[in-house]
Amino acid sequence: MVQSRKPTDSHPGATGAGRRIYDLLRAQIADGTLVPGARAPSTRALAAELAVSRTTVTAAYEQLAAEGFLVTAMGRVARVASPLAAPAPSETNTSRRAKHAPSLSGFGRRLTGIGMPALTQAEPVRIDFLYGAVASRDFPTLLWRRAYQAELLRQQNSLYYVPPEGDAWLRCSIQGYLRRARGLACEAEQILVVHGSQQAIDLCARLLLDAGDAFAFEEPGYLMARRCFEATGARCLSTPVDEHGLDTARLSQDERIRLAYVTPSHQFPLGGVLPIGRRLELLQWAGQRDAWIVEDDYDGEFRYGQRPIDALQSIDTDGRVIYIGTFSKALSPQLRLGYLVLPPALVPVFRQAKRLADRHAPVLEQRVLASLIDSGAYERHVRRMRRENERRRTALLDAIARHLPGDARLSGTAAGLHMVLWLPHLRSEDEPALVAAARGKGVGVYPVTPLFANPDSPMQPRPAGLILGYASLRTDQIEQGIRTLAAVIAEMAPTSLRV
């Protein structure tokens, strides 16, 4: 007879009763109350004892039989199954895990040794100069909702996967947009829609680099891209940047180089724009080494006072440049939609890799975006965002001029959604303390040093630097945040520089 241990009725009704019976029998099998081979109570008797329907008990027995705890047969009494091998005690598992590291591929082992920035801060701050963030109030909610509803109601014959390169409508829309906005002429077949620029970079790393290869990289540069390339086992050959971007005269001549990663329209993070002479030198360098150039145009739409600079790929006549574009800065990083424009020779393999990775990007969102581009709404939105961000940029420049020490200097102010603040009277080693002190007063700022592959290079000594993103803030928040930051800097500055 089952020992009646009436559990708490957390699930009323027949389903709840059936679950309680299942849990009760399984527990008694586990603790030996019902030994292997023992007869289980008849469904009729147990139903009467527990005051439930026989159907409820039968359902519980059938579930236990399906999982191997009971053995049942037509016309025979249910019996407890033979004992299963008992799991090792948790202490043994713990000690085993401590003695033996998990078995990983070479790629997995490299990932465990790569330092990555924290995804989120433990505590939010009142005013956050987080670069890469955009204001939620800037998202074109009504336009997006209207287009989304229209696409949601559009009748489809069936729901199935689309080609890995992305929806044909969106690729044609991007083709036209790039010609108008970025001076880039391509075929729709060269476009591959991806989950943001990060997946684009990851695909480039996996398909173009092997362990033992090398890649040229801006110093300083975008950390997440560098980590993607390093995870392949390739070696980073850092190339210094100056106020004009990548110093092409200092590109490595190492014969193992397979690609160069660049941000020519607005160097990340220092903000230089690569001039035409250096662009041509970079293309010539890549041709001589049979190397690829990965052009990350992460915020190329945002240039102030003049039209955006044309993409590097627009002057590539040798099929060397892989162009990466994203909708994260103009719309939202949470949308996770970006694209590659590939040289024709790379199209088949990139499509295959995308298909293996995740089939394709979300179709509904692709079609909504295509609708906004074709209607002109997206480009109107970009122009509006350019005006809004120019206001924020001006507010930041004014606040820095009013509140910070006179020797503070800025780089990367002519374009993009962030700038770098240099503080010559503080050292790069002071950045962590400065960031922590500002966060303690409710202001989030971010150090530039982690973006250097070789922070102890001959470029040292280097002053303290902070990356200040402004696209997610109101102008009054910018003013208040810089005023607070000024007070923090004054506390850390030498006595002679304090106001």
Protein backbone atom coordinates (compact mmCIF):
# COMPACT_ATOMS: atom_id res chain seq x y z
CA MET A 1 0.00 0.00 0.00
CA VAL A 2 1.27 3.47 -0.84
CA GLN A 3 2.01 5.44 2.29
CA SER A 4 -0.29 8.42 2.07
CA ARG A 5 1.69 11.63 2.42
CA LYS A 6 -0.76 14.28 1.41
CA PRO A 7 1.21 17.04 -0.32
CA THR A 8 0.19 20.64 -0.50
CA ASP A 9 -2.48 21.23 -3.14
CA SER A 10 -0.56 23.68 -5.29
CA HIS A 11 -2.27 22.52 -8.48
CA PRO A 12 -6.07 22.22 -8.05
CA GLY A 13 -8.11 19.98 -10.32
CA ALA A 14 -7.43 16.62 -11.94
CA THR A 15 -4.11 17.67 -13.47
CA GLY A 16 -2.80 18.79 -10.07
CA ALA A 17 -3.92 15.57 -8.39
CA GLY A 18 -2.27 13.49 -11.10
CA ARG A 19 1.00 15.33 -10.62
CA ARG A 20 0.91 14.77 -6.86
CA ILE A 21 0.35 11.03 -7.37
CA TYR A 22 3.21 10.87 -9.86
CA ASP A 23 5.57 12.72 -7.47
CA LEU A 24 4.50 10.53 -4.52
CA LEU A 25 5.11 7.23 -6.31
CA ARG A 26 8.38 8.38 -7.85
CA ALA A 27 9.67 9.52 -4.45
CA GLN A 28 8.79 6.19 -2.82
CA ILE A 29 10.53 4.30 -5.64
CA ALA A 30 13.61 6.49 -5.16
CA ASP A 31 13.81 6.07 -1.36
CA GLY A 32 13.18 2.30 -1.45
CA THR A 33 9.69 2.34 0.06
CA LEU A 34 8.62 0.60 -3.14
CA VAL A 35 11.44 -1.86 -3.92
CA PRO A 36 12.32 -3.13 -7.42
CA GLY A 37 9.90 -5.86 -8.52
CA ALA A 38 7.27 -4.91 -5.92
CA ARG A 39 3.67 -4.71 -7.02
CA ALA A 40 2.31 -1.22 -7.33
CA PRO A 41 -1.13 -0.57 -5.81
CA SER A 42 -3.97 -1.16 -8.22
CA THR A 43 -5.27 1.96 -9.87
CA ARG A 44 -8.75 1.30 -8.47
CA ALA A 45 -7.53 0.89 -4.87
CA LEU A 46 -5.25 3.94 -5.01
CA ALA A 47 -7.98 6.08 -6.53
CA ALA A 48 -10.34 5.11 -3.70
CA GLU A 49 -7.69 5.73 -1.03
CA LEU A 50 -6.79 9.19 -2.35
CA ALA A 51 -10.35 10.15 -3.29
CA VAL A 52 -9.52 10.88 -6.94
CA SER A 53 -10.77 9.43 -10.19
CA ARG A 54 -9.26 6.23 -11.51
CA THR A 55 -8.47 8.03 -14.76
CA THR A 56 -6.20 10.41 -12.85
CA VAL A 57 -4.27 7.52 -11.25
CA THR A 58 -4.03 5.69 -14.58
CA ALA A 59 -2.51 8.76 -16.23
CA ALA A 60 0.12 8.97 -13.47
CA TYR A 61 0.97 5.27 -13.89
CA GLU A 62 1.27 5.65 -17.64
CA GLN A 63 3.72 8.53 -17.21
CA LEU A 64 5.84 6.52 -14.74
CA ALA A 65 5.81 3.55 -17.13
CA ALA A 66 6.85 5.77 -20.05
CA GLU A 67 9.81 7.01 -18.01
CA GLY A 68 10.85 3.50 -16.98
CA PHE A 69 9.91 3.59 -13.29
CA LEU A 70 7.05 1.08 -13.62
CA VAL A 71 6.58 -1.98 -15.84
CA THR A 72 3.04 -2.46 -17.08
CA ALA A 73 1.33 -4.89 -19.43
CA MET A 74 -2.25 -5.53 -20.51
CA GLY A 75 -4.07 -7.59 -17.86
CA ARG A 76 -1.13 -7.63 -15.43
CA VAL A 77 -0.40 -5.78 -12.24
CA ALA A 78 2.07 -2.89 -12.54
CA ARG A 79 5.42 -3.53 -10.88
CA VAL A 80 8.35 -1.35 -9.90
CA ALA A 81 11.09 -1.56 -12.52
CA SER A 82 14.56 -2.97 -11.88
CA PRO A 83 16.84 -0.53 -10.08
CA LEU A 84 18.62 2.06 -12.18
CA ALA A 85 22.30 2.83 -11.71
CA ALA A 86 22.50 5.34 -8.89
CA PRO A 87 24.24 8.62 -9.73
CA ALA A 88 27.52 9.27 -8.02
CA PRO A 89 27.31 11.47 -4.91
CA SER A 90 27.48 15.19 -5.61
CA GLU A 91 30.77 15.45 -3.73
CA THR A 92 32.34 12.99 -6.17
CA ASN A 93 31.02 14.96 -9.15
CA THR A 94 32.38 18.16 -7.68
CA SER A 95 35.82 16.71 -7.06
CA ARG A 96 35.82 15.17 -10.54
CA ARG A 97 35.02 18.52 -12.11
CA ALA A 98 37.79 20.11 -10.07
CA LYS A 99 40.36 17.55 -11.27
CA HIS A 100 39.40 17.46 -14.95
CA ALA A 101 38.89 20.54 -17.10
CA PRO A 102 36.11 20.25 -19.67
CA SER A 103 37.17 18.87 -23.02
CA LEU A 104 37.06 21.78 -25.48
CA SER A 105 38.09 22.40 -29.06
CA GLY A 106 41.03 24.66 -29.81
CA PHE A 107 38.55 27.46 -30.44
CA GLY A 108 36.88 26.83 -27.07
CA ARG A 109 40.21 26.81 -25.25
CA ARG A 110 41.17 30.10 -26.84
CA LEU A 111 37.86 31.64 -25.81
CA THR A 112 38.40 30.71 -22.16
CA GLY A 113 41.65 32.68 -22.19
CA ILE A 114 40.27 35.79 -23.89
CA GLY A 115 39.34 38.70 -21.67
CA MET A 116 35.96 40.21 -22.52
CA PRO A 117 34.32 43.41 -21.29
CA ALA A 118 31.45 43.07 -18.83
CA LEU A 119 28.03 43.05 -20.51
CA THR A 120 26.31 45.18 -17.87
CA GLN A 121 27.25 47.19 -14.82
CA ALA A 122 26.13 45.91 -11.46
CA GLU A 123 24.28 49.13 -10.69
CA PRO A 124 22.75 51.51 -13.25
CA VAL A 125 23.74 55.16 -13.13
CA ARG A 126 21.64 58.28 -13.51
CA ILE A 127 23.61 59.66 -16.45
CA ASP A 128 25.40 57.15 -18.66
CA PHE A 129 27.80 58.24 -21.44
CA LEU A 130 27.65 54.71 -22.81
CA TYR A 131 28.93 54.54 -26.36
CA GLY A 132 26.89 52.36 -28.70
CA ALA A 133 23.65 53.17 -26.85
CA VAL A 134 20.88 55.20 -28.51
CA ALA A 135 17.84 56.88 -26.99
CA SER A 136 14.74 54.68 -26.85
CA ARG A 137 12.59 57.78 -27.42
CA ASP A 138 14.29 58.24 -30.80
CA PHE A 139 13.05 54.93 -32.16
CA PRO A 140 10.36 55.51 -34.85
CA THR A 141 7.75 53.60 -32.88
CA LEU A 142 4.63 54.62 -34.80
CA LEU A 143 6.22 54.10 -38.21
CA TRP A 144 7.59 50.72 -37.15
CA ARG A 145 4.30 49.59 -35.63
CA ARG A 146 2.31 50.57 -38.73
CA ALA A 147 4.70 48.75 -41.07
CA TYR A 148 4.92 45.77 -38.71
CA GLN A 149 1.16 45.35 -38.56
CA ALA A 150 0.91 45.56 -42.34
CA GLU A 151 3.50 42.81 -42.78
CA LEU A 152 2.01 40.68 -40.02
CA LEU A 153 -1.36 40.71 -41.80
CA ARG A 154 0.10 40.01 -45.23
CA GLN A 155 -1.06 36.56 -46.31
CA GLN A 156 1.62 33.94 -46.97
CA ASN A 157 1.04 30.53 -48.52
CA SER A 158 3.05 28.91 -45.74
CA LEU A 159 5.61 29.72 -43.08
CA TYR A 160 9.05 28.35 -43.87
CA TYR A 161 12.71 29.32 -43.87
CA VAL A 162 13.91 31.93 -46.33
CA PRO A 163 17.33 31.84 -48.06
CA PRO A 164 20.25 32.43 -45.67
CA GLU A 165 21.31 35.61 -47.46
CA GLY A 166 18.11 37.28 -46.29
CA ASP A 167 14.81 38.44 -47.71
CA ALA A 168 15.14 39.50 -51.36
CA TRP A 169 13.05 42.62 -50.77
CA LEU A 170 15.34 43.92 -48.03
CA ARG A 171 18.50 43.18 -50.00
CA CYS A 172 17.16 45.19 -52.95
CA SER A 173 16.19 48.02 -50.60
CA ILE A 174 19.68 48.05 -49.04
CA GLN A 175 21.23 48.07 -52.51
CA GLY A 176 19.38 51.27 -53.40
CA TYR A 177 20.05 52.87 -50.03
CA LEU A 178 23.80 52.25 -50.23
CA ARG A 179 24.00 53.83 -53.67
CA ARG A 180 22.18 56.95 -52.43
CA ALA A 181 23.69 57.31 -48.96
CA ARG A 182 27.16 55.73 -49.09
CA GLY A 183 28.19 56.04 -52.76
CA LEU A 184 28.47 52.25 -52.93
CA ALA A 185 27.36 50.43 -56.09
CA CYS A 186 26.74 46.69 -55.73
CA GLU A 187 24.35 43.95 -56.77
CA ALA A 188 21.66 42.70 -54.40
CA GLU A 189 23.22 39.22 -54.72
CA GLN A 190 26.35 40.53 -52.96
CA ILE A 191 24.37 41.48 -49.83
CA LEU A 192 24.08 39.09 -46.88
CA VAL A 193 21.71 40.06 -44.05
CA VAL A 194 23.09 39.16 -40.61
CA HIS A 195 22.37 39.60 -36.89
CA GLY A 196 24.18 42.92 -36.56
CA SER A 197 27.78 43.81 -37.34
CA GLN A 198 29.11 41.45 -34.66
CA GLN A 199 27.91 38.37 -36.56
CA ALA A 200 29.35 39.87 -39.75
CA ILE A 201 32.76 40.20 -38.06
CA ASP A 202 32.52 36.67 -36.66
CA LEU A 203 31.78 35.23 -40.11
CA CYS A 204 34.78 37.08 -41.56
CA ALA A 205 37.01 35.71 -38.79
CA ARG A 206 35.87 32.10 -39.18
CA LEU A 207 35.99 32.05 -42.96
CA LEU A 208 39.13 34.08 -43.66
CA LEU A 209 41.57 33.28 -40.83
CA ASP A 210 43.28 30.13 -39.58
CA ALA A 211 45.43 29.53 -36.54
CA GLY A 212 48.91 30.79 -37.38
CA ASP A 213 47.68 33.51 -39.72
CA ALA A 214 47.97 37.21 -38.88
CA PHE A 215 45.68 40.20 -39.26
CA ALA A 216 46.30 43.95 -39.27
CA PHE A 217 44.26 45.86 -36.73
CA GLU A 218 43.85 49.49 -35.70
CA GLU A 219 45.60 50.51 -32.46
CA PRO A 220 43.45 51.33 -30.56
CA GLY A 221 40.43 49.61 -32.07
CA TYR A 222 37.12 47.87 -31.52
CA LEU A 223 37.77 45.26 -28.84
CA MET A 224 34.98 42.84 -29.79
CA ALA A 225 36.28 42.64 -33.37
CA ARG A 226 39.83 42.01 -32.18
CA ARG A 227 38.63 39.23 -29.90
CA CYS A 228 36.73 37.58 -32.78
CA PHE A 229 39.85 37.49 -34.91
CA GLU A 230 42.10 36.36 -32.04
CA ALA A 231 39.73 33.48 -31.22
CA THR A 232 40.66 31.87 -34.54
CA GLY A 233 44.24 31.54 -33.35
CA ALA A 234 45.48 34.28 -35.69
CA ARG A 235 47.95 36.87 -34.39
CA CYS A 236 47.05 40.54 -34.06
CA LEU A 237 49.53 42.92 -35.71
CA SER A 238 48.58 46.31 -34.35
CA THR A 239 48.88 49.35 -36.62
CA PRO A 240 48.87 52.79 -34.94
CA VAL A 241 46.22 55.37 -35.75
CA ASP A 242 46.51 59.16 -35.68
CA GLU A 243 44.12 62.05 -36.25
CA HIS A 244 43.58 60.79 -39.82
CA GLY A 245 42.83 57.17 -38.88
CA LEU A 246 44.95 54.14 -39.75
CA ASP A 247 48.60 55.03 -40.46
CA THR A 248 48.98 53.00 -43.65
CA ALA A 249 52.71 53.71 -43.84
CA ARG A 250 53.12 51.55 -40.73
CA LEU A 251 51.15 48.52 -41.94
CA SER A 252 52.99 45.28 -41.29
CA GLN A 253 54.70 43.50 -44.20
CA ASP A 254 54.35 40.10 -42.49
CA GLU A 255 53.66 37.49 -45.16
CA ARG A 256 51.18 35.70 -42.89
CA ILE A 257 48.69 38.58 -42.95
CA ARG A 258 45.35 37.53 -44.42
CA LEU A 259 43.18 40.57 -43.67
CA ALA A 260 43.05 44.07 -42.25
CA TYR A 261 40.16 45.38 -40.16
CA VAL A 262 39.49 49.12 -40.48
CA THR A 263 36.88 51.75 -39.61
CA PRO A 264 37.78 54.35 -42.26
CA SER A 265 34.70 56.61 -42.11
CA HIS A 266 35.04 57.23 -38.36
CA GLN A 267 37.90 55.38 -36.72
CA PHE A 268 36.80 53.64 -33.54
CA PRO A 269 37.40 55.02 -31.00
CA LEU A 270 39.57 58.06 -31.89
CA GLY A 271 37.38 59.32 -34.71
CA GLY A 272 39.80 59.99 -37.58
CA VAL A 273 38.53 59.89 -41.17
CA LEU A 274 40.85 58.03 -43.52
CA PRO A 275 41.89 60.40 -46.38
CA ILE A 276 41.87 59.32 -50.00
CA GLY A 277 45.65 58.92 -50.19
CA ARG A 278 45.69 56.42 -47.33
CA ARG A 279 42.66 54.61 -48.73
CA LEU A 280 44.47 54.01 -51.99
CA GLU A 281 47.62 52.91 -50.12
CA LEU A 282 45.55 50.44 -48.09
CA LEU A 283 43.97 48.95 -51.22
CA GLN A 284 47.38 48.66 -52.88
CA TRP A 285 48.84 47.01 -49.76
CA ALA A 286 46.00 44.44 -49.70
CA GLY A 287 46.43 43.68 -53.40
CA GLN A 288 50.16 43.05 -53.00
CA ARG A 289 49.52 40.54 -50.19
CA ASP A 290 46.35 38.96 -51.58
CA ALA A 291 44.66 40.05 -48.32
CA TRP A 292 41.08 41.04 -47.54
CA ILE A 293 40.01 44.37 -46.06
CA VAL A 294 37.09 44.30 -43.62
CA GLU A 295 35.49 47.76 -43.64
CA ASP A 296 33.28 48.30 -40.59
CA ASP A 297 31.01 51.28 -41.33
CA TYR A 298 29.40 51.20 -37.90
CA ASP A 299 28.15 54.82 -37.79
CA GLY A 300 28.97 56.22 -41.22
CA GLU A 301 25.60 58.01 -41.57
CA PHE A 302 26.47 60.46 -38.80
CA ARG A 303 28.79 63.19 -40.03
CA TYR A 304 28.22 66.82 -39.06
CA GLY A 305 28.63 69.91 -41.21
CA GLN A 306 29.10 67.98 -44.47
CA ARG A 307 27.83 64.88 -46.24
CA PRO A 308 28.98 61.46 -45.00
CA ILE A 309 32.23 60.14 -46.48
CA ASP A 310 31.76 57.52 -49.20
CA ALA A 311 32.59 53.95 -48.26
CA LEU A 312 36.05 52.53 -48.93
CA GLN A 313 34.44 49.77 -51.00
CA SER A 314 33.16 52.39 -53.44
CA ILE A 315 36.72 52.83 -54.79
CA ASP A 316 37.72 49.15 -54.60
CA THR A 317 38.34 47.93 -58.15
CA ASP A 318 39.97 44.62 -57.19
CA GLY A 319 37.25 42.97 -55.08
CA ARG A 320 39.27 43.18 -51.85
CA VAL A 321 36.87 45.00 -49.52
CA ILE A 322 34.17 43.37 -47.41
CA TYR A 323 31.76 46.09 -46.30
CA ILE A 324 29.86 45.79 -43.00
CA GLY A 325 26.80 47.94 -42.34
CA THR A 326 24.39 48.00 -39.41
CA PHE A 327 21.05 49.46 -38.36
CA SER A 328 22.05 49.52 -34.68
CA LYS A 329 23.02 53.19 -34.53
CA ALA A 330 20.17 54.64 -36.62
CA LEU A 331 17.43 52.43 -35.12
CA SER A 332 18.39 50.18 -32.21
CA PRO A 333 21.17 47.77 -31.16
CA GLN A 334 18.38 45.47 -29.91
CA LEU A 335 17.04 45.04 -33.45
CA ARG A 336 20.09 42.89 -34.35
CA LEU A 337 20.01 43.55 -38.08
CA GLY A 338 23.04 44.32 -40.18
CA TYR A 339 24.50 43.29 -43.51
CA LEU A 340 27.62 42.48 -45.45
CA VAL A 341 28.40 43.55 -48.99
CA LEU A 342 30.70 40.82 -50.25
CA PRO A 343 33.08 40.52 -53.18
CA PRO A 344 31.38 38.10 -55.62
CA ALA A 345 33.99 35.39 -54.99
CA LEU A 346 33.00 35.20 -51.31
CA VAL A 347 29.22 35.14 -51.71
CA PRO A 348 28.69 31.32 -51.85
CA VAL A 349 30.79 30.43 -48.80
CA PHE A 350 29.37 33.24 -46.65
CA ARG A 351 25.83 32.15 -47.51
CA GLN A 352 26.66 28.59 -46.50
CA ALA A 353 28.23 29.73 -43.22
CA LYS A 354 25.20 31.88 -42.40
CA ARG A 355 22.89 28.95 -43.12
CA LEU A 356 24.85 26.71 -40.75
CA ALA A 357 24.95 29.37 -38.05
CA ASP A 358 21.26 30.24 -37.72
CA ARG A 359 19.44 29.76 -41.08
CA HIS A 360 18.64 33.47 -41.52
CA ALA A 361 17.74 36.69 -39.72
CA PRO A 362 14.10 37.21 -38.61
CA VAL A 363 11.97 37.59 -41.74
CA LEU A 364 9.21 39.81 -40.41
CA GLU A 365 11.65 42.44 -39.16
CA GLN A 366 13.51 42.31 -42.48
CA ARG A 367 10.34 43.07 -44.41
CA VAL A 368 9.32 45.85 -42.05
CA LEU A 369 12.72 47.48 -42.55
CA ALA A 370 12.48 47.06 -46.32
CA SER A 371 9.10 48.79 -46.25
CA LEU A 372 10.53 51.75 -44.32
CA ILE A 373 13.50 52.09 -46.69
CA ASP A 374 11.38 51.93 -49.84
CA SER A 375 8.87 54.47 -48.51
CA GLY A 376 11.65 56.97 -47.70
CA ALA A 377 10.72 56.87 -44.00
CA TYR A 378 14.06 55.35 -42.98
CA GLU A 379 16.15 58.05 -44.64
CA ARG A 380 13.95 60.78 -43.20
CA HIS A 381 14.46 59.18 -39.80
CA VAL A 382 18.26 59.12 -40.32
CA ARG A 383 18.26 62.82 -41.22
CA ARG A 384 16.24 63.60 -38.10
CA MET A 385 18.63 61.54 -35.95
CA ARG A 386 21.57 63.38 -37.49
CA ARG A 387 20.05 66.70 -36.40
CA GLU A 388 19.23 65.40 -32.92
CA ASN A 389 22.68 63.96 -32.39
CA GLU A 390 24.32 67.13 -33.65
CA ARG A 391 22.43 69.00 -30.90
CA ARG A 392 23.71 66.51 -28.32
CA ARG A 393 27.23 66.75 -29.71
CA THR A 394 27.14 70.56 -29.47
CA ALA A 395 25.85 70.37 -25.90
CA LEU A 396 28.70 68.04 -24.98
CA LEU A 397 31.34 70.26 -26.58
CA ASP A 398 29.95 73.34 -24.82
CA ALA A 399 29.75 71.60 -21.44
CA ILE A 400 33.34 70.36 -21.71
CA ALA A 401 34.56 73.83 -22.66
CA ARG A 402 32.78 75.38 -19.66
CA HIS A 403 33.47 72.86 -16.92
CA LEU A 404 36.65 70.86 -17.61
CA PRO A 405 40.28 71.96 -17.22
CA GLY A 406 41.71 74.02 -20.05
CA ASP A 407 44.21 71.34 -21.05
CA ALA A 408 41.44 68.79 -21.73
CA ARG A 409 41.31 67.93 -25.40
CA LEU A 410 38.91 66.01 -27.62
CA SER A 411 39.19 63.72 -30.63
CA GLY A 412 36.58 62.30 -32.98
CA THR A 413 34.13 65.19 -32.73
CA ALA A 414 33.31 65.62 -36.42
CA ALA A 415 31.31 62.43 -36.86
CA GLY A 416 29.72 59.48 -35.11
CA LEU A 417 27.94 59.23 -31.78
CA HIS A 418 30.85 59.46 -29.34
CA MET A 419 34.08 61.35 -28.74
CA VAL A 420 37.23 60.70 -26.74
CA LEU A 421 38.17 63.05 -23.91
CA TRP A 422 41.89 63.23 -23.10
CA LEU A 423 43.06 64.52 -19.72
CA PRO A 424 46.81 65.27 -20.00
CA HIS A 425 47.24 65.98 -16.28
CA LEU A 426 46.13 62.42 -15.45
CA ARG A 427 47.84 59.19 -16.48
CA SER A 428 46.28 56.22 -18.23
CA GLU A 429 46.79 54.28 -14.97
CA ASP A 430 44.33 56.72 -13.33
CA GLU A 431 41.45 55.69 -15.60
CA PRO A 432 40.00 52.93 -13.35
CA ALA A 433 39.92 55.22 -10.30
CA LEU A 434 38.40 58.03 -12.36
CA VAL A 435 35.70 55.76 -13.79
CA ALA A 436 34.88 54.35 -10.35
CA ALA A 437 34.69 57.80 -8.74
CA ALA A 438 32.39 59.11 -11.47
CA ARG A 439 30.16 56.04 -11.17
CA GLY A 440 29.98 56.62 -7.45
CA LYS A 441 28.43 60.00 -8.21
CA GLY A 442 25.96 58.52 -10.71
CA VAL A 443 27.82 59.21 -13.97
CA GLY A 444 28.97 56.42 -16.30
CA VAL A 445 32.16 57.05 -18.32
CA TYR A 446 34.39 54.50 -20.04
CA PRO A 447 38.21 54.17 -20.23
CA VAL A 448 40.02 54.09 -23.55
CA THR A 449 42.94 51.91 -22.41
CA PRO A 450 41.14 48.51 -22.80
CA LEU A 451 40.84 49.24 -26.53
CA PHE A 452 44.62 49.15 -26.97
CA ALA A 453 46.01 45.74 -27.90
CA ASN A 454 49.39 46.85 -26.54
CA PRO A 455 48.69 49.35 -23.75
CA ASP A 456 52.36 49.29 -22.73
CA SER A 457 53.65 50.05 -26.23
CA PRO A 458 56.22 52.78 -26.98
CA MET A 459 53.30 55.22 -27.36
CA GLN A 460 53.40 55.45 -23.58
CA PRO A 461 53.26 57.52 -21.48
CA ARG A 462 49.71 58.22 -22.53
CA PRO A 463 47.25 60.53 -20.76
CA ALA A 464 44.02 59.29 -19.27
CA GLY A 465 41.27 59.00 -21.85
CA LEU A 466 37.51 58.54 -21.58
CA ILE A 467 35.05 57.52 -24.30
CA LEU A 468 31.90 59.63 -24.04
CA GLY A 469 28.85 58.44 -25.95
CA TYR A 470 26.03 60.97 -26.18
CA ALA A 471 23.31 59.49 -28.43
CA SER A 472 21.19 58.19 -25.54
CA LEU A 473 21.20 61.37 -23.43
CA ARG A 474 19.20 64.59 -23.27
CA THR A 475 21.11 67.86 -23.47
CA ASP A 476 20.32 68.67 -19.82
CA GLN A 477 21.71 65.27 -18.78
CA ILE A 478 24.87 65.96 -20.76
CA GLU A 479 25.33 69.29 -18.97
CA GLN A 480 24.74 67.76 -15.54
CA GLY A 481 26.95 64.76 -16.26
CA ILE A 482 29.94 66.83 -17.39
CA ARG A 483 29.56 69.15 -14.40
CA THR A 484 29.69 66.12 -12.10
CA LEU A 485 32.63 64.64 -13.99
CA ALA A 486 34.48 67.95 -13.65
CA ALA A 487 34.13 67.76 -9.87
CA VAL A 488 35.52 64.22 -9.88
CA ILE A 489 38.46 65.24 -12.07
CA ALA A 490 39.22 68.22 -9.84
CA GLU A 491 39.45 65.92 -6.81
CA MET A 492 41.94 63.70 -8.63
CA ALA A 493 43.96 66.46 -10.30
CA PRO A 494 47.23 67.83 -8.93
CA THR A 495 46.70 70.70 -6.50
CA SER A 496 47.98 73.30 -8.99
CA LEU A 497 45.24 72.36 -11.48
CA ARG A 498 42.30 72.42 -9.10
CA VAL A 499 39.80 75.22 -9.53
